[in-house]
Amino acid sequence: MGAGELTQVQEVQEGKSTGLEGTELQPGAAVTASGRVSVAQMYEPPAPSGPFTTAQLARLDEALTLASRDTGLEFSIYLGELGDDSRAGAESLHDTLGPRGDEVVLIAVSPGERVVEVVTGSEAMQRLPDRGAKLAVMSMVASFKEGDLIGGLISGLRMMSDQAGRDPHAD
């Protein structure tokens, strides 16, 4: 701020008008050598746009990481519209995973349509029986009805991870 003040004082002493005479500068403001006012402002990152807070996303990320690490399967969550045929929509999302889809468990949730679909790849299907997936879905739906979307997802992930068991390839 010192340089800006000196420039302003010098120009006023020389009889030049800066257009800022008598103007009280706010804290963090300075007049540059060209006469512009430069103002420092605190950076505020934009709030996350979506149904979850940053802390909730961190919890969900941790649950996904632990489930994948413990089981050797890759767990993935899709939250959004699935279309008129929700099962076909979920299966088409799973198909986009390509060859690695064999070891993926996709949990597709469409809150607006009130639908939960679980799609497993061929390897994941051997380790996560339909009965175990259905129990996890029932638990998730119970939480969703109470308005706890994040809690339901995390609970369902843990249940499916427990059903799939430890990674058989782990040492």
Protein backbone atom coordinates (compact mmCIF):
# COMPACT_ATOMS: atom_id res chain seq x y z
CA MET A 1 0.00 0.00 0.00
CA GLY A 2 2.98 2.29 0.61
CA ALA A 3 3.86 2.67 -3.06
CA GLY A 4 0.28 3.47 -4.01
CA GLU A 5 0.04 6.13 -1.34
CA LEU A 6 3.31 7.71 -2.42
CA THR A 7 2.16 7.82 -6.03
CA GLN A 8 -1.13 9.42 -5.04
CA VAL A 9 0.56 11.98 -2.77
CA GLN A 10 3.20 12.80 -5.41
CA GLU A 11 0.60 13.33 -8.17
CA VAL A 12 -1.51 15.54 -5.92
CA GLN A 13 1.58 17.61 -4.99
CA GLU A 14 2.37 18.06 -8.70
CA GLY A 15 -1.15 19.33 -9.30
CA LYS A 16 -2.35 16.26 -11.18
CA SER A 17 -5.75 14.88 -10.28
CA THR A 18 -6.05 11.15 -9.67
CA GLY A 19 -9.81 11.29 -9.29
CA LEU A 20 -9.39 9.65 -5.91
CA GLU A 21 -8.78 12.71 -3.77
CA GLY A 22 -10.89 12.56 -0.63
CA THR A 23 -11.71 8.92 -1.26
CA GLU A 24 -11.17 6.62 1.68
CA LEU A 25 -9.63 3.36 0.49
CA GLN A 26 -10.86 0.19 2.13
CA PRO A 27 -8.40 -2.08 3.93
CA GLY A 28 -6.48 -4.21 1.42
CA ALA A 29 -6.79 -1.55 -1.32
CA ALA A 30 -3.97 0.33 -3.00
CA VAL A 31 -3.61 2.80 -5.85
CA THR A 32 -1.23 1.40 -8.47
CA ALA A 33 1.32 3.47 -10.40
CA SER A 34 -1.13 3.68 -13.31
CA GLY A 35 -3.80 5.13 -11.02
CA ARG A 36 -5.97 2.03 -10.81
CA VAL A 37 -7.24 0.85 -7.46
CA SER A 38 -6.17 -2.70 -6.66
CA VAL A 39 -8.18 -4.48 -3.96
CA ALA A 40 -7.20 -7.74 -2.25
CA GLN A 41 -10.12 -10.02 -1.48
CA MET A 42 -10.40 -13.33 0.34
CA TYR A 43 -10.83 -16.31 -1.97
CA GLU A 44 -13.95 -18.30 -1.20
CA PRO A 45 -14.16 -21.58 -3.10
CA PRO A 46 -17.58 -22.33 -4.53
CA ALA A 47 -19.75 -24.60 -2.45
CA PRO A 48 -20.08 -28.10 -3.85
CA SER A 49 -23.12 -28.40 -6.03
CA GLY A 50 -24.87 -31.64 -5.37
CA PRO A 51 -26.64 -33.56 -2.68
CA PHE A 52 -23.56 -34.02 -0.46
CA THR A 53 -21.31 -31.78 1.60
CA THR A 54 -17.55 -32.05 1.33
CA ALA A 55 -17.42 -34.02 4.59
CA GLN A 56 -20.06 -36.46 3.34
CA LEU A 57 -18.17 -36.95 0.08
CA ALA A 58 -15.03 -37.69 2.08
CA ARG A 59 -16.91 -40.33 4.12
CA LEU A 60 -18.30 -41.90 0.95
CA ASP A 61 -14.87 -41.91 -0.70
CA GLU A 62 -13.36 -43.60 2.35
CA ALA A 63 -16.11 -46.26 2.39
CA LEU A 64 -15.62 -46.95 -1.35
CA THR A 65 -11.85 -47.19 -0.93
CA LEU A 66 -12.07 -49.54 2.06
CA ALA A 67 -14.67 -51.78 0.40
CA SER A 68 -12.56 -52.06 -2.74
CA ARG A 69 -9.32 -52.62 -0.85
CA ASP A 70 -10.78 -55.27 1.47
CA THR A 71 -12.59 -57.30 -1.18
CA GLY A 72 -10.46 -56.84 -4.29
CA LEU A 73 -13.65 -55.86 -6.12
CA GLU A 74 -14.22 -52.35 -7.39
CA PHE A 75 -17.32 -50.68 -5.96
CA SER A 76 -18.88 -47.79 -7.82
CA ILE A 77 -21.89 -45.59 -7.08
CA TYR A 78 -24.06 -43.83 -9.62
CA LEU A 79 -26.57 -41.27 -8.39
CA GLY A 80 -29.01 -39.96 -10.99
CA GLU A 81 -31.76 -40.85 -13.42
CA LEU A 82 -31.80 -44.35 -14.85
CA GLY A 83 -34.63 -43.93 -17.35
CA ASP A 84 -37.89 -45.79 -17.90
CA ASP A 85 -36.26 -49.22 -17.63
CA SER A 86 -34.03 -48.71 -14.60
CA ARG A 87 -32.43 -52.15 -14.81
CA ALA A 88 -31.44 -51.64 -18.44
CA GLY A 89 -30.12 -48.17 -17.59
CA ALA A 90 -27.97 -49.54 -14.76
CA GLU A 91 -26.69 -52.40 -16.93
CA SER A 92 -25.75 -50.00 -19.72
CA LEU A 93 -23.77 -47.90 -17.19
CA HIS A 94 -22.00 -51.07 -16.05
CA ASP A 95 -21.27 -52.02 -19.67
CA THR A 96 -19.34 -48.75 -20.16
CA LEU A 97 -16.69 -50.10 -17.77
CA GLY A 98 -15.43 -52.50 -20.45
CA PRO A 99 -13.24 -55.48 -19.56
CA ARG A 100 -12.64 -54.38 -15.99
CA GLY A 101 -16.41 -54.54 -15.41
CA ASP A 102 -16.07 -58.21 -14.43
CA GLU A 103 -14.82 -57.18 -10.99
CA VAL A 104 -17.12 -54.18 -10.50
CA VAL A 105 -20.17 -53.82 -8.29
CA LEU A 106 -22.26 -50.86 -9.46
CA ILE A 107 -24.79 -49.40 -7.06
CA ALA A 108 -27.16 -47.22 -9.10
CA VAL A 109 -29.54 -45.02 -7.13
CA SER A 110 -32.22 -42.82 -8.64
CA PRO A 111 -33.81 -40.89 -5.76
CA GLY A 112 -36.29 -39.13 -8.05
CA GLU A 113 -37.51 -42.44 -9.42
CA ARG A 114 -37.18 -44.19 -6.04
CA VAL A 115 -35.10 -46.98 -7.55
CA VAL A 116 -31.96 -48.82 -6.43
CA GLU A 117 -30.23 -51.25 -8.78
CA VAL A 118 -27.13 -53.34 -8.09
CA VAL A 119 -25.25 -54.68 -11.10
CA THR A 120 -22.33 -57.06 -10.64
CA GLY A 121 -19.74 -58.24 -13.13
CA SER A 122 -19.10 -61.96 -13.66
CA GLU A 123 -16.29 -62.16 -11.06
CA ALA A 124 -18.15 -59.99 -8.56
CA MET A 125 -21.31 -62.10 -8.99
CA GLN A 126 -19.42 -65.16 -7.72
CA ARG A 127 -18.45 -63.37 -4.53
CA LEU A 128 -21.54 -61.23 -3.88
CA PRO A 129 -24.68 -63.38 -3.98
CA ASP A 130 -28.03 -61.87 -4.94
CA ARG A 131 -29.32 -62.48 -1.42
CA GLY A 132 -26.52 -60.39 0.08
CA ALA A 133 -27.10 -57.58 -2.42
CA LYS A 134 -30.86 -57.62 -1.70
CA LEU A 135 -30.26 -57.32 2.05
CA ALA A 136 -27.94 -54.36 1.45
CA VAL A 137 -30.53 -52.71 -0.81
CA MET A 138 -33.23 -53.17 1.85
CA SER A 139 -30.95 -51.49 4.38
CA MET A 140 -30.21 -48.62 1.99
CA VAL A 141 -33.90 -48.09 1.21
CA ALA A 142 -34.71 -47.93 4.94
CA SER A 143 -32.12 -45.17 5.39
CA PHE A 144 -33.29 -43.36 2.25
CA LYS A 145 -36.85 -43.28 3.61
CA GLU A 146 -35.52 -41.52 6.71
CA GLY A 147 -33.82 -38.93 4.47
CA ASP A 148 -30.30 -40.27 5.08
CA LEU A 149 -28.92 -40.72 1.57
CA ILE A 150 -25.24 -40.79 2.54
CA GLY A 151 -25.81 -43.08 5.52
CA GLY A 152 -27.76 -45.51 3.36
CA LEU A 153 -25.04 -45.63 0.71
CA ILE A 154 -22.27 -46.19 3.26
CA SER A 155 -24.26 -48.85 5.11
CA GLY A 156 -25.04 -50.66 1.86
CA LEU A 157 -21.38 -50.54 0.81
CA ARG A 158 -20.28 -52.05 4.12
CA MET A 159 -22.88 -54.80 3.94
CA MET A 160 -21.91 -55.74 0.39
CA SER A 161 -18.23 -55.64 1.29
CA ASP A 162 -18.87 -57.99 4.22
CA GLN A 163 -20.87 -60.34 1.98
CA ALA A 164 -18.13 -60.43 -0.67
CA GLY A 165 -15.48 -61.24 1.93
CA ARG A 166 -11.74 -60.69 1.82
CA ASP A 167 -9.81 -60.57 -1.43
CA PRO A 168 -8.82 -64.19 -2.18
CA HIS A 169 -5.73 -62.95 -4.06
CA ALA A 170 -4.45 -60.92 -1.09
CA ASP A 171 -1.43 -62.25 0.76
